[in-house]
Amino acid sequence: MRFQLIFIFTLWIMAIPTTMAQKELNKDEMLITEVSNARAKAFNDMNANEISRYFTSDGVLMAPGKQASIGQKAVAKYYQAIFDEFDVVLKSHYVEVQVSGNMAYGRGEAIVHATSKIDGKESVSKSKYLNILERQYDGSWKTTHDIWNTNDVTTQ
């Protein structure tokens, strides 16, 4: 009986760090998802500077068919060019979030409705994306790399 109690107590003690680590992981996954949601909101608000704020100072944006935009100013410039030409609506969500120490990734799906400010034509783009994020000194998460590709585009 004594052996069984010691064995059960040992298992319980060993489970505490795992449970605490799982809670920390869930907190990080929640914070990373909040970053994605905040970026989506800034996109829908057509606020390029706000989007770039969620990137590290040397963050890399890799848009399809474009040269990489490196740094917050370049990221803001990329998005501002879109907002100058189109009214946009984005719906996006993570399908998967994985955290490993101070690095993480979020894999997601997005649909963008873009209406030309010139001729009113609307296009719909469906894509998949991958964000790589890094924990900052204050515990927040910022995007180091953002890449996506289009599944299909339709014009109406």
N, C-alpha and C. Protein backbone atom coordinates (compact mmCIF):
# COMPACT_ATOMS: atom_id res chain seq x y z
N MET A 1 0.83 -1.19 0.00
CA MET A 1 0.00 0.00 0.00
C MET A 1 0.87 1.25 0.00
N ARG A 2 1.92 1.23 0.83
CA ARG A 2 2.80 2.38 0.91
C ARG A 2 3.46 2.63 -0.45
N PHE A 3 3.90 1.57 -1.10
CA PHE A 3 4.52 1.69 -2.41
C PHE A 3 3.54 2.31 -3.42
N GLN A 4 2.27 1.89 -3.38
CA GLN A 4 1.26 2.43 -4.27
C GLN A 4 1.05 3.92 -4.03
N LEU A 5 1.02 4.35 -2.78
CA LEU A 5 0.85 5.75 -2.46
C LEU A 5 2.04 6.58 -2.95
N ILE A 6 3.24 6.05 -2.74
CA ILE A 6 4.43 6.76 -3.21
C ILE A 6 4.39 6.85 -4.74
N PHE A 7 4.02 5.77 -5.41
CA PHE A 7 3.95 5.75 -6.86
C PHE A 7 2.92 6.78 -7.37
N ILE A 8 1.75 6.80 -6.78
CA ILE A 8 0.69 7.75 -7.17
C ILE A 8 1.13 9.18 -6.90
N PHE A 9 1.74 9.43 -5.75
CA PHE A 9 2.22 10.77 -5.41
C PHE A 9 3.29 11.22 -6.41
N THR A 10 4.19 10.31 -6.77
CA THR A 10 5.24 10.62 -7.74
C THR A 10 4.64 10.98 -9.10
N LEU A 11 3.67 10.23 -9.54
CA LEU A 11 3.00 10.54 -10.81
C LEU A 11 2.31 11.90 -10.75
N TRP A 12 1.69 12.18 -9.64
CA TRP A 12 0.98 13.46 -9.48
C TRP A 12 1.98 14.61 -9.54
N ILE A 13 3.11 14.48 -8.84
CA ILE A 13 4.14 15.52 -8.84
C ILE A 13 4.70 15.71 -10.24
N MET A 14 4.91 14.62 -10.96
CA MET A 14 5.44 14.71 -12.32
C MET A 14 4.45 15.38 -13.26
N ALA A 15 3.19 15.27 -13.01
CA ALA A 15 2.16 15.85 -13.88
C ALA A 15 2.03 17.36 -13.69
N ILE A 16 2.41 17.89 -12.56
CA ILE A 16 2.24 19.32 -12.29
C ILE A 16 2.99 20.18 -13.31
N PRO A 17 4.30 19.95 -13.58
CA PRO A 17 4.97 20.77 -14.58
C PRO A 17 4.33 20.66 -15.96
N THR A 18 3.88 19.47 -16.34
CA THR A 18 3.23 19.28 -17.62
C THR A 18 1.95 20.10 -17.69
N THR A 19 1.17 20.07 -16.64
CA THR A 19 -0.07 20.84 -16.60
C THR A 19 0.24 22.33 -16.67
N MET A 20 1.24 22.78 -15.93
CA MET A 20 1.62 24.20 -15.95
C MET A 20 2.14 24.59 -17.33
N ALA A 21 2.94 23.72 -17.95
CA ALA A 21 3.45 24.01 -19.29
C ALA A 21 2.31 24.06 -20.29
N GLN A 22 1.32 23.18 -20.15
CA GLN A 22 0.17 23.19 -21.05
C GLN A 22 -0.62 24.49 -20.91
N LYS A 23 -0.79 24.97 -19.68
CA LYS A 23 -1.49 26.24 -19.48
C LYS A 23 -0.74 27.37 -20.14
N GLU A 24 0.60 27.38 -20.03
CA GLU A 24 1.42 28.41 -20.66
C GLU A 24 1.29 28.32 -22.18
N LEU A 25 1.31 27.09 -22.71
CA LEU A 25 1.15 26.89 -24.13
C LEU A 25 -0.20 27.41 -24.60
N ASN A 26 -1.26 27.09 -23.89
CA ASN A 26 -2.59 27.58 -24.26
C ASN A 26 -2.63 29.09 -24.23
N LYS A 27 -1.97 29.71 -23.25
CA LYS A 27 -1.92 31.17 -23.17
C LYS A 27 -1.20 31.73 -24.39
N ASP A 28 -0.07 31.10 -24.78
CA ASP A 28 0.66 31.56 -25.95
C ASP A 28 -0.16 31.39 -27.22
N GLU A 29 -0.84 30.27 -27.36
CA GLU A 29 -1.69 30.06 -28.53
C GLU A 29 -2.78 31.13 -28.60
N MET A 30 -3.33 31.49 -27.45
CA MET A 30 -4.36 32.53 -27.39
C MET A 30 -3.76 33.88 -27.79
N LEU A 31 -2.57 34.21 -27.28
CA LEU A 31 -1.93 35.48 -27.62
C LEU A 31 -1.59 35.56 -29.10
N ILE A 32 -1.13 34.45 -29.66
CA ILE A 32 -0.78 34.40 -31.08
C ILE A 32 -2.04 34.57 -31.94
N THR A 33 -3.12 33.93 -31.54
CA THR A 33 -4.39 34.09 -32.26
C THR A 33 -4.88 35.52 -32.17
N GLU A 34 -4.69 36.17 -31.02
CA GLU A 34 -5.07 37.57 -30.87
C GLU A 34 -4.27 38.47 -31.81
N VAL A 35 -3.00 38.17 -32.02
CA VAL A 35 -2.19 38.93 -32.97
C VAL A 35 -2.77 38.78 -34.37
N SER A 36 -3.11 37.57 -34.76
CA SER A 36 -3.71 37.34 -36.07
C SER A 36 -5.03 38.10 -36.22
N ASN A 37 -5.85 38.05 -35.20
CA ASN A 37 -7.13 38.76 -35.24
C ASN A 37 -6.93 40.27 -35.32
N ALA A 38 -5.95 40.78 -34.60
CA ALA A 38 -5.68 42.22 -34.62
C ALA A 38 -5.17 42.65 -36.00
N ARG A 39 -4.33 41.82 -36.60
CA ARG A 39 -3.86 42.12 -37.95
C ARG A 39 -5.02 42.11 -38.94
N ALA A 40 -5.93 41.14 -38.81
CA ALA A 40 -7.08 41.08 -39.70
C ALA A 40 -7.97 42.31 -39.53
N LYS A 41 -8.15 42.74 -38.29
CA LYS A 41 -8.96 43.95 -38.04
C LYS A 41 -8.30 45.17 -38.68
N ALA A 42 -6.99 45.29 -38.52
CA ALA A 42 -6.27 46.42 -39.12
C ALA A 42 -6.38 46.37 -40.64
N PHE A 43 -6.36 45.18 -41.22
CA PHE A 43 -6.53 45.03 -42.67
C PHE A 43 -7.92 45.51 -43.07
N ASN A 44 -8.93 45.07 -42.36
CA ASN A 44 -10.30 45.49 -42.68
C ASN A 44 -10.53 46.97 -42.42
N ASP A 45 -9.77 47.56 -41.50
CA ASP A 45 -9.82 49.00 -41.26
C ASP A 45 -8.94 49.76 -42.27
N MET A 46 -8.25 49.00 -43.13
CA MET A 46 -7.34 49.53 -44.14
C MET A 46 -6.28 50.44 -43.49
N ASN A 47 -5.69 49.94 -42.41
CA ASN A 47 -4.69 50.67 -41.64
C ASN A 47 -3.33 49.96 -41.78
N ALA A 48 -2.57 50.35 -42.78
CA ALA A 48 -1.30 49.70 -43.09
C ALA A 48 -0.30 49.83 -41.94
N ASN A 49 -0.24 50.98 -41.31
CA ASN A 49 0.71 51.17 -40.21
C ASN A 49 0.38 50.27 -39.03
N GLU A 50 -0.89 50.06 -38.76
CA GLU A 50 -1.29 49.18 -37.66
C GLU A 50 -0.90 47.73 -37.97
N ILE A 51 -1.08 47.31 -39.20
CA ILE A 51 -0.67 45.96 -39.58
C ILE A 51 0.82 45.79 -39.32
N SER A 52 1.62 46.74 -39.78
CA SER A 52 3.08 46.62 -39.67
C SER A 52 3.54 46.58 -38.22
N ARG A 53 2.77 47.13 -37.32
CA ARG A 53 3.10 47.13 -35.89
C ARG A 53 3.18 45.71 -35.32
N TYR A 54 2.51 44.76 -35.96
CA TYR A 54 2.50 43.37 -35.49
C TYR A 54 3.64 42.55 -36.09
N PHE A 55 4.54 43.20 -36.81
CA PHE A 55 5.74 42.58 -37.34
C PHE A 55 6.95 43.02 -36.52
N THR A 56 7.97 42.18 -36.45
CA THR A 56 9.22 42.60 -35.84
C THR A 56 9.85 43.68 -36.73
N SER A 57 10.83 44.39 -36.20
CA SER A 57 11.45 45.48 -36.97
C SER A 57 12.08 44.97 -38.27
N ASP A 58 12.49 43.71 -38.30
CA ASP A 58 13.06 43.13 -39.51
C ASP A 58 12.15 42.04 -40.10
N GLY A 59 10.86 42.13 -39.79
CA GLY A 59 9.90 41.14 -40.27
C GLY A 59 9.86 41.09 -41.79
N VAL A 60 9.52 39.90 -42.31
CA VAL A 60 9.53 39.67 -43.75
C VAL A 60 8.12 39.29 -44.21
N LEU A 61 7.62 40.01 -45.20
CA LEU A 61 6.33 39.73 -45.83
C LEU A 61 6.62 39.18 -47.22
N MET A 62 6.14 37.97 -47.50
CA MET A 62 6.41 37.34 -48.79
C MET A 62 5.09 37.12 -49.52
N ALA A 63 4.67 38.13 -50.25
CA ALA A 63 3.42 38.08 -51.01
C ALA A 63 3.64 37.38 -52.34
N PRO A 64 2.64 36.68 -52.85
CA PRO A 64 2.78 35.98 -54.13
C PRO A 64 3.15 36.95 -55.26
N GLY A 65 4.13 36.56 -56.05
CA GLY A 65 4.51 37.34 -57.22
C GLY A 65 5.21 38.64 -56.93
N LYS A 66 5.63 38.86 -55.69
CA LYS A 66 6.28 40.12 -55.30
C LYS A 66 7.63 39.83 -54.66
N GLN A 67 8.50 40.82 -54.67
CA GLN A 67 9.74 40.74 -53.90
C GLN A 67 9.37 40.78 -52.43
N ALA A 68 10.20 40.19 -51.59
CA ALA A 68 9.96 40.22 -50.15
C ALA A 68 10.00 41.66 -49.65
N SER A 69 9.08 42.00 -48.77
CA SER A 69 9.07 43.30 -48.10
C SER A 69 9.69 43.07 -46.72
N ILE A 70 10.79 43.75 -46.45
CA ILE A 70 11.52 43.51 -45.21
C ILE A 70 11.48 44.76 -44.34
N GLY A 71 11.01 44.58 -43.12
CA GLY A 71 10.92 45.69 -42.16
C GLY A 71 9.52 46.27 -42.10
N GLN A 72 9.21 46.90 -40.99
CA GLN A 72 7.87 47.44 -40.77
C GLN A 72 7.48 48.48 -41.81
N LYS A 73 8.40 49.35 -42.20
CA LYS A 73 8.07 50.38 -43.20
C LYS A 73 7.72 49.75 -44.55
N ALA A 74 8.47 48.73 -44.94
CA ALA A 74 8.20 48.06 -46.22
C ALA A 74 6.87 47.31 -46.17
N VAL A 75 6.57 46.70 -45.02
CA VAL A 75 5.29 46.00 -44.86
C VAL A 75 4.14 47.00 -44.97
N ALA A 76 4.27 48.14 -44.29
CA ALA A 76 3.22 49.16 -44.35
C ALA A 76 3.06 49.68 -45.78
N LYS A 77 4.16 49.87 -46.48
CA LYS A 77 4.10 50.35 -47.87
C LYS A 77 3.37 49.35 -48.76
N TYR A 78 3.64 48.06 -48.59
CA TYR A 78 2.96 47.03 -49.36
C TYR A 78 1.45 47.11 -49.17
N TYR A 79 1.03 47.15 -47.91
CA TYR A 79 -0.41 47.18 -47.63
C TYR A 79 -1.06 48.49 -48.05
N GLN A 80 -0.35 49.60 -47.88
CA GLN A 80 -0.92 50.89 -48.27
C GLN A 80 -1.21 50.92 -49.76
N ALA A 81 -0.34 50.32 -50.57
CA ALA A 81 -0.57 50.27 -52.02
C ALA A 81 -1.88 49.53 -52.33
N ILE A 82 -2.16 48.47 -51.58
CA ILE A 82 -3.42 47.74 -51.77
C ILE A 82 -4.60 48.63 -51.39
N PHE A 83 -4.50 49.28 -50.23
CA PHE A 83 -5.61 50.10 -49.73
C PHE A 83 -5.85 51.33 -50.60
N ASP A 84 -4.81 51.82 -51.28
CA ASP A 84 -4.98 52.96 -52.19
C ASP A 84 -5.79 52.55 -53.42
N GLU A 85 -5.71 51.29 -53.79
CA GLU A 85 -6.36 50.81 -55.01
C GLU A 85 -7.69 50.09 -54.77
N PHE A 86 -7.85 49.48 -53.59
CA PHE A 86 -9.02 48.64 -53.34
C PHE A 86 -9.67 48.94 -51.99
N ASP A 87 -10.97 48.70 -51.93
CA ASP A 87 -11.67 48.53 -50.67
C ASP A 87 -11.64 47.03 -50.40
N VAL A 88 -11.34 46.65 -49.17
CA VAL A 88 -11.11 45.23 -48.89
C VAL A 88 -11.92 44.73 -47.69
N VAL A 89 -12.22 43.44 -47.74
CA VAL A 89 -12.82 42.74 -46.60
C VAL A 89 -12.09 41.41 -46.49
N LEU A 90 -11.54 41.15 -45.32
CA LEU A 90 -10.79 39.92 -45.06
C LEU A 90 -11.49 39.09 -44.01
N LYS A 91 -11.58 37.80 -44.28
CA LYS A 91 -11.99 36.82 -43.27
C LYS A 91 -10.86 35.81 -43.20
N SER A 92 -10.30 35.64 -42.02
CA SER A 92 -9.19 34.70 -41.88
C SER A 92 -9.23 34.03 -40.52
N HIS A 93 -8.57 32.89 -40.44
CA HIS A 93 -8.48 32.17 -39.17
C HIS A 93 -7.33 31.19 -39.22
N TYR A 94 -6.79 30.92 -38.06
CA TYR A 94 -5.77 29.89 -37.95
C TYR A 94 -6.42 28.52 -37.92
N VAL A 95 -5.82 27.58 -38.62
CA VAL A 95 -6.22 26.19 -38.59
C VAL A 95 -5.37 25.45 -37.56
N GLU A 96 -4.15 25.96 -37.36
CA GLU A 96 -3.19 25.31 -36.48
C GLU A 96 -2.24 26.35 -35.91
N VAL A 97 -1.93 26.23 -34.63
CA VAL A 97 -0.92 27.06 -33.99
C VAL A 97 -0.01 26.12 -33.20
N GLN A 98 1.29 26.27 -33.40
CA GLN A 98 2.28 25.47 -32.68
C GLN A 98 3.30 26.39 -32.04
N VAL A 99 3.63 26.13 -30.79
CA VAL A 99 4.60 26.94 -30.05
C VAL A 99 5.75 26.04 -29.63
N SER A 100 6.97 26.55 -29.81
CA SER A 100 8.16 25.85 -29.35
C SER A 100 9.10 26.89 -28.76
N GLY A 101 9.10 27.00 -27.44
CA GLY A 101 9.94 28.00 -26.78
C GLY A 101 9.48 29.40 -27.13
N ASN A 102 10.40 30.20 -27.68
CA ASN A 102 10.10 31.59 -28.03
C ASN A 102 9.71 31.77 -29.50
N MET A 103 9.53 30.65 -30.20
CA MET A 103 9.13 30.71 -31.60
C MET A 103 7.81 29.95 -31.77
N ALA A 104 7.06 30.36 -32.78
CA ALA A 104 5.77 29.71 -33.04
C ALA A 104 5.40 29.90 -34.51
N TYR A 105 4.45 29.11 -34.93
CA TYR A 105 3.87 29.36 -36.24
C TYR A 105 2.36 29.20 -36.17
N GLY A 106 1.70 29.92 -37.06
CA GLY A 106 0.27 29.80 -37.23
C GLY A 106 -0.01 29.53 -38.70
N ARG A 107 -0.74 28.45 -38.96
CA ARG A 107 -1.14 28.10 -40.33
C ARG A 107 -2.61 28.41 -40.46
N GLY A 108 -2.96 29.16 -41.51
CA GLY A 108 -4.34 29.57 -41.62
C GLY A 108 -4.89 29.62 -43.03
N GLU A 109 -6.13 30.05 -43.09
CA GLU A 109 -6.85 30.21 -44.35
C GLU A 109 -7.50 31.58 -44.37
N ALA A 110 -7.60 32.16 -45.56
CA ALA A 110 -8.16 33.51 -45.68
C ALA A 110 -8.96 33.65 -46.96
N ILE A 111 -9.93 34.54 -46.90
CA ILE A 111 -10.69 34.96 -48.08
C ILE A 111 -10.68 36.48 -48.08
N VAL A 112 -10.26 37.07 -49.20
CA VAL A 112 -10.24 38.53 -49.34
C VAL A 112 -11.17 38.93 -50.48
N HIS A 113 -12.09 39.82 -50.17
CA HIS A 113 -12.93 40.47 -51.18
C HIS A 113 -12.32 41.84 -51.41
N ALA A 114 -11.93 42.12 -52.65
CA ALA A 114 -11.32 43.40 -52.99
C ALA A 114 -12.14 44.06 -54.09
N THR A 115 -12.54 45.29 -53.85
CA THR A 115 -13.31 46.05 -54.84
C THR A 115 -12.47 47.21 -55.33
N SER A 116 -12.26 47.26 -56.64
CA SER A 116 -11.44 48.31 -57.23
C SER A 116 -12.08 49.68 -57.00
N LYS A 117 -11.26 50.63 -56.57
CA LYS A 117 -11.74 52.00 -56.38
C LYS A 117 -11.86 52.72 -57.72
N ILE A 118 -11.30 52.13 -58.77
CA ILE A 118 -11.33 52.75 -60.09
C ILE A 118 -12.56 52.34 -60.87
N ASP A 119 -12.80 51.03 -60.99
CA ASP A 119 -13.91 50.57 -61.85
C ASP A 119 -14.98 49.77 -61.11
N GLY A 120 -14.81 49.58 -59.80
CA GLY A 120 -15.82 48.87 -59.02
C GLY A 120 -15.83 47.36 -59.16
N LYS A 121 -14.92 46.81 -59.96
CA LYS A 121 -14.87 45.36 -60.11
C LYS A 121 -14.41 44.72 -58.81
N GLU A 122 -15.06 43.60 -58.52
CA GLU A 122 -14.73 42.88 -57.29
C GLU A 122 -14.00 41.59 -57.63
N SER A 123 -12.97 41.30 -56.86
CA SER A 123 -12.30 40.02 -56.97
C SER A 123 -12.32 39.35 -55.60
N VAL A 124 -12.34 38.03 -55.64
CA VAL A 124 -12.33 37.24 -54.41
C VAL A 124 -11.13 36.32 -54.49
N SER A 125 -10.31 36.38 -53.45
CA SER A 125 -9.11 35.56 -53.40
C SER A 125 -9.16 34.65 -52.18
N LYS A 126 -8.98 33.36 -52.41
CA LYS A 126 -8.91 32.40 -51.31
C LYS A 126 -7.46 31.94 -51.21
N SER A 127 -6.94 31.92 -49.99
CA SER A 127 -5.54 31.56 -49.84
C SER A 127 -5.29 30.79 -48.55
N LYS A 128 -4.09 30.24 -48.50
CA LYS A 128 -3.59 29.61 -47.28
C LYS A 128 -2.32 30.36 -46.91
N TYR A 129 -2.02 30.44 -45.62
CA TYR A 129 -0.87 31.24 -45.20
C TYR A 129 -0.16 30.60 -44.02
N LEU A 130 1.06 31.08 -43.83
CA LEU A 130 1.87 30.64 -42.70
C LEU A 130 2.55 31.86 -42.09
N ASN A 131 2.34 32.06 -40.81
CA ASN A 131 3.00 33.12 -40.05
C ASN A 131 3.99 32.47 -39.11
N ILE A 132 5.19 33.01 -39.06
CA ILE A 132 6.17 32.61 -38.05
C ILE A 132 6.25 33.77 -37.07
N LEU A 133 6.17 33.46 -35.79
CA LEU A 133 6.15 34.50 -34.77
C LEU A 133 7.25 34.26 -33.74
N GLU A 134 7.65 35.36 -33.10
CA GLU A 134 8.68 35.29 -32.07
C GLU A 134 8.19 36.03 -30.82
N ARG A 135 8.41 35.39 -29.67
CA ARG A 135 8.04 36.03 -28.40
C ARG A 135 8.98 37.21 -28.17
N GLN A 136 8.39 38.34 -27.79
CA GLN A 136 9.17 39.54 -27.51
C GLN A 136 9.55 39.56 -26.02
N TYR A 137 10.43 40.48 -25.66
CA TYR A 137 10.87 40.57 -24.26
C TYR A 137 9.73 40.81 -23.28
N ASP A 138 8.69 41.50 -23.74
CA ASP A 138 7.56 41.79 -22.85
C ASP A 138 6.52 40.65 -22.81
N GLY A 139 6.82 39.54 -23.50
CA GLY A 139 5.90 38.40 -23.52
C GLY A 139 4.92 38.42 -24.68
N SER A 140 4.84 39.52 -25.41
CA SER A 140 3.95 39.59 -26.58
C SER A 140 4.58 38.82 -27.74
N TRP A 141 3.80 38.61 -28.78
CA TRP A 141 4.26 37.89 -29.96
C TRP A 141 4.21 38.82 -31.17
N LYS A 142 5.22 38.76 -32.03
CA LYS A 142 5.23 39.52 -33.28
C LYS A 142 5.62 38.59 -34.42
N THR A 143 5.15 38.95 -35.60
CA THR A 143 5.40 38.16 -36.80
C THR A 143 6.81 38.44 -37.31
N THR A 144 7.57 37.36 -37.55
CA THR A 144 8.88 37.50 -38.18
C THR A 144 8.79 37.24 -39.68
N HIS A 145 7.89 36.36 -40.07
CA HIS A 145 7.72 36.01 -41.48
C HIS A 145 6.23 35.73 -41.75
N ASP A 146 5.77 36.22 -42.88
CA ASP A 146 4.39 36.00 -43.30
C ASP A 146 4.43 35.64 -44.78
N ILE A 147 3.92 34.47 -45.12
CA ILE A 147 3.90 34.04 -46.52
C ILE A 147 2.55 33.40 -46.82
N TRP A 148 2.07 33.60 -48.02
CA TRP A 148 0.82 32.96 -48.42
C TRP A 148 0.83 32.70 -49.91
N ASN A 149 -0.07 31.84 -50.32
CA ASN A 149 -0.31 31.64 -51.74
C ASN A 149 -1.80 31.48 -51.97
N THR A 150 -2.19 31.81 -53.18
CA THR A 150 -3.61 31.86 -53.53
C THR A 150 -4.08 30.50 -54.00
N ASN A 151 -5.23 30.09 -53.50
CA ASN A 151 -5.85 28.86 -53.98
C ASN A 151 -6.56 29.14 -55.30
N ASP A 152 -7.31 30.23 -55.34
CA ASP A 152 -7.98 30.63 -56.57
C ASP A 152 -8.46 32.08 -56.44
N VAL A 153 -8.69 32.71 -57.58
CA VAL A 153 -9.17 34.08 -57.63
C VAL A 153 -10.33 34.12 -58.61
N THR A 154 -11.40 34.79 -58.22
CA THR A 154 -12.52 34.98 -59.13
C THR A 154 -12.81 36.46 -59.23
N THR A 155 -13.18 36.89 -60.43
CA THR A 155 -13.55 38.28 -60.67
C THR A 155 -15.01 38.34 -61.05
N GLN A 156 -15.70 39.30 -60.47
CA GLN A 156 -17.13 39.42 -60.76
C GLN A 156 -17.40 40.67 -61.56
